[in-house]
C-alpha atoms as a PDB file:
ATOM      1  CA  MET A   1     -22.757  -5.529 -12.094  1.00  0.00           C
ATOM      2  CA  GLU A   2     -24.184  -5.669  -8.599  1.00  0.00           C
ATOM      3  CA  GLU A   3     -27.074  -3.394  -7.653  1.00  0.00           C
ATOM      4  CA  ALA A   4     -26.163  -0.575  -5.274  1.00  0.00           C
ATOM      5  CA  ARG A   5     -27.654  -0.756  -1.777  1.00  0.00           C
ATOM      6  CA  LEU A   6     -29.578   2.279  -0.529  1.00  0.00           C
ATOM      7  CA  VAL A   7     -29.216   4.103   2.779  1.00  0.00           C
ATOM      8  CA  ASN A   8     -32.083   6.549   3.310  1.00  0.00           C
ATOM      9  CA  ILE A   9     -30.860   9.377   5.522  1.00  0.00           C
ATOM     10  CA  GLY A  10     -33.367  10.536   8.141  1.00  0.00           C
ATOM     11  CA  ALA A  11     -33.527  11.614  11.779  1.00  0.00           C
ATOM     12  CA  LYS A  12     -30.999   9.160  13.277  1.00  0.00           C
ATOM     13  CA  PRO A  13     -27.516  10.416  14.245  1.00  0.00           C
ATOM     14  CA  VAL A  14     -24.873  10.666  11.492  1.00  0.00           C
ATOM     15  CA  GLU A  15     -22.765   7.894  13.080  1.00  0.00           C
ATOM     16  CA  ASP A  16     -25.683   5.430  12.795  1.00  0.00           C
ATOM     17  CA  TYR A  17     -25.704   5.866   9.005  1.00  0.00           C
ATOM     18  CA  VAL A  18     -21.910   5.625   8.822  1.00  0.00           C
ATOM     19  CA  PHE A  19     -22.078   2.352  10.785  1.00  0.00           C
ATOM     20  CA  GLU A  20     -24.904   1.054   8.550  1.00  0.00           C
ATOM     21  CA  THR A  21     -22.855   1.811   5.420  1.00  0.00           C
ATOM     22  CA  ILE A  22     -19.730   0.129   6.820  1.00  0.00           C
ATOM     23  CA  LEU A  23     -21.840  -2.940   7.668  1.00  0.00           C
ATOM     24  CA  MET A  24     -23.109  -3.072   4.079  1.00  0.00           C
ATOM     25  CA  PHE A  25     -19.510  -2.985   2.832  1.00  0.00           C
ATOM     26  CA  GLN A  26     -18.546  -5.782   5.242  1.00  0.00           C
ATOM     27  CA  GLU A  27     -21.529  -7.865   4.076  1.00  0.00           C
ATOM     28  CA  GLY A  28     -20.103  -7.783   0.554  1.00  0.00           C
ATOM     29  CA  SER A  29     -21.775  -4.774  -1.055  1.00  0.00           C
ATOM     30  CA  SER A  30     -19.285  -2.833  -3.117  1.00  0.00           C
ATOM     31  CA  THR A  31     -21.548   0.157  -3.902  1.00  0.00           C
ATOM     32  CA  VAL A  32     -23.846   2.095  -1.562  1.00  0.00           C
ATOM     33  CA  VAL A  33     -26.075   5.104  -2.277  1.00  0.00           C
ATOM     34  CA  LEU A  34     -26.561   7.652   0.514  1.00  0.00           C
ATOM     35  CA  LYS A  35     -29.867   9.414  -0.194  1.00  0.00           C
ATOM     36  CA  GLY A  36     -31.162  12.415   1.709  1.00  0.00           C
ATOM     37  CA  SER A  37     -34.418  14.187   0.872  1.00  0.00           C
ATOM     38  CA  GLY A  38     -35.804  17.555   1.918  1.00  0.00           C
ATOM     39  CA  GLY A  39     -34.273  18.680   5.188  1.00  0.00           C
ATOM     40  CA  PHE A  40     -31.903  15.702   5.228  1.00  0.00           C
ATOM     41  CA  VAL A  41     -29.910  16.723   2.136  1.00  0.00           C
ATOM     42  CA  SER A  42     -27.174  18.337   4.235  1.00  0.00           C
ATOM     43  CA  LYS A  43     -27.150  15.370   6.630  1.00  0.00           C
ATOM     44  CA  ALA A  44     -26.442  13.038   3.678  1.00  0.00           C
ATOM     45  CA  VAL A  45     -23.371  15.168   2.887  1.00  0.00           C
ATOM     46  CA  ASP A  46     -22.369  14.997   6.578  1.00  0.00           C
ATOM     47  CA  VAL A  47     -22.665  11.185   6.460  1.00  0.00           C
ATOM     48  CA  TYR A  48     -20.450  11.056   3.361  1.00  0.00           C
ATOM     49  CA  ASN A  49     -17.827  13.300   4.998  1.00  0.00           C
ATOM     50  CA  ALA A  50     -17.866  11.215   8.196  1.00  0.00           C
ATOM     51  CA  LEU A  51     -17.525   8.030   6.112  1.00  0.00           C
ATOM     52  CA  VAL A  52     -14.486   9.414   4.266  1.00  0.00           C
ATOM     53  CA  SER A  53     -13.027  10.574   7.578  1.00  0.00           C
ATOM     54  CA  ARG A  54     -13.493   7.069   9.001  1.00  0.00           C
ATOM     55  CA  LEU A  55     -12.430   4.975   5.989  1.00  0.00           C
ATOM     56  CA  GLY A  56     -10.050   7.342   4.200  1.00  0.00           C
ATOM     57  CA  ASP A  57      -8.752   6.132   0.842  1.00  0.00           C
ATOM     58  CA  SER A  58     -10.622   2.817   1.015  1.00  0.00           C
ATOM     59  CA  VAL A  59     -13.846   4.507  -0.139  1.00  0.00           C
ATOM     60  CA  GLU A  60     -14.314   6.485  -3.358  1.00  0.00           C
ATOM     61  CA  LEU A  61     -16.990   8.852  -4.605  1.00  0.00           C
ATOM     62  CA  VAL A  62     -18.619   7.418  -7.736  1.00  0.00           C
ATOM     63  CA  LYS A  63     -21.228  10.093  -8.499  1.00  0.00           C
ATOM     64  CA  VAL A  64     -23.588  12.633  -6.985  1.00  0.00           C
ATOM     65  CA  ASP A  65     -27.152  13.021  -8.257  1.00  0.00           C
ATOM     66  CA  ILE A  66     -29.344  15.940  -7.282  1.00  0.00           C
ATOM     67  CA  GLY A  67     -32.931  16.485  -8.227  1.00  0.00           C
ATOM     68  CA  SER A  68     -36.477  16.335  -6.970  1.00  0.00           C
ATOM     69  CA  ASP A  69     -39.084  13.616  -6.510  1.00  0.00           C
ATOM     70  CA  ARG A  70     -42.834  14.050  -6.488  1.00  0.00           C
ATOM     71  CA  PHE A  71     -44.046  13.255  -2.967  1.00  0.00           C
ATOM     72  CA  LYS A  72     -47.721  13.654  -1.967  1.00  0.00           C
ATOM     73  CA  GLY A  73     -48.334  16.067  -4.831  1.00  0.00           C
ATOM     74  CA  ARG A  74     -45.294  18.235  -4.077  1.00  0.00           C
ATOM     75  CA  PHE A  75     -41.718  18.216  -5.231  1.00  0.00           C
ATOM     76  CA  LYS A  76     -39.107  17.285  -2.641  1.00  0.00           C
ATOM     77  CA  SER A  77     -35.430  17.886  -3.360  1.00  0.00           C
ATOM     78  CA  PHE A  78     -32.908  15.074  -2.871  1.00  0.00           C
ATOM     79  CA  ILE A  79     -29.226  14.251  -3.098  1.00  0.00           C
ATOM     80  CA  ALA A  80     -27.991  10.735  -3.857  1.00  0.00           C
ATOM     81  CA  ILE A  81     -24.288  10.164  -3.172  1.00  0.00           C
ATOM     82  CA  THR A  82     -22.934   6.913  -4.630  1.00  0.00           C
ATOM     83  CA  VAL A  83     -19.813   5.535  -2.934  1.00  0.00           C
ATOM     84  CA  ARG A  84     -17.737   2.442  -3.681  1.00  0.00           C
ATOM     85  CA  LYS A  85     -15.500   0.426  -1.383  1.00  0.00           C
ATOM     86  CA  LYS A  86     -11.992   0.040  -2.811  1.00  0.00           C
ATOM     87  CA  TYR A  87     -10.277  -3.264  -2.119  1.00  0.00           C
END
């Protein structure tokens, strides 16, 4: 099975991440993980919703992971949303 490509959600506009994900699908990736940490957790959800709005039934939610990573001695919450392109 192919390794999922990662999109780290940060300060760029939501549409930039949607476009980046669509490009990954067009380049042949079938699975992409949208990961938002700290203050970008809600933005990762916004990116997923915008992606579904844009692509509709051609994208499916595979799984959602939530947790925390140790970062510079502190714990930082994250959400990782795995999506798959349906063909």
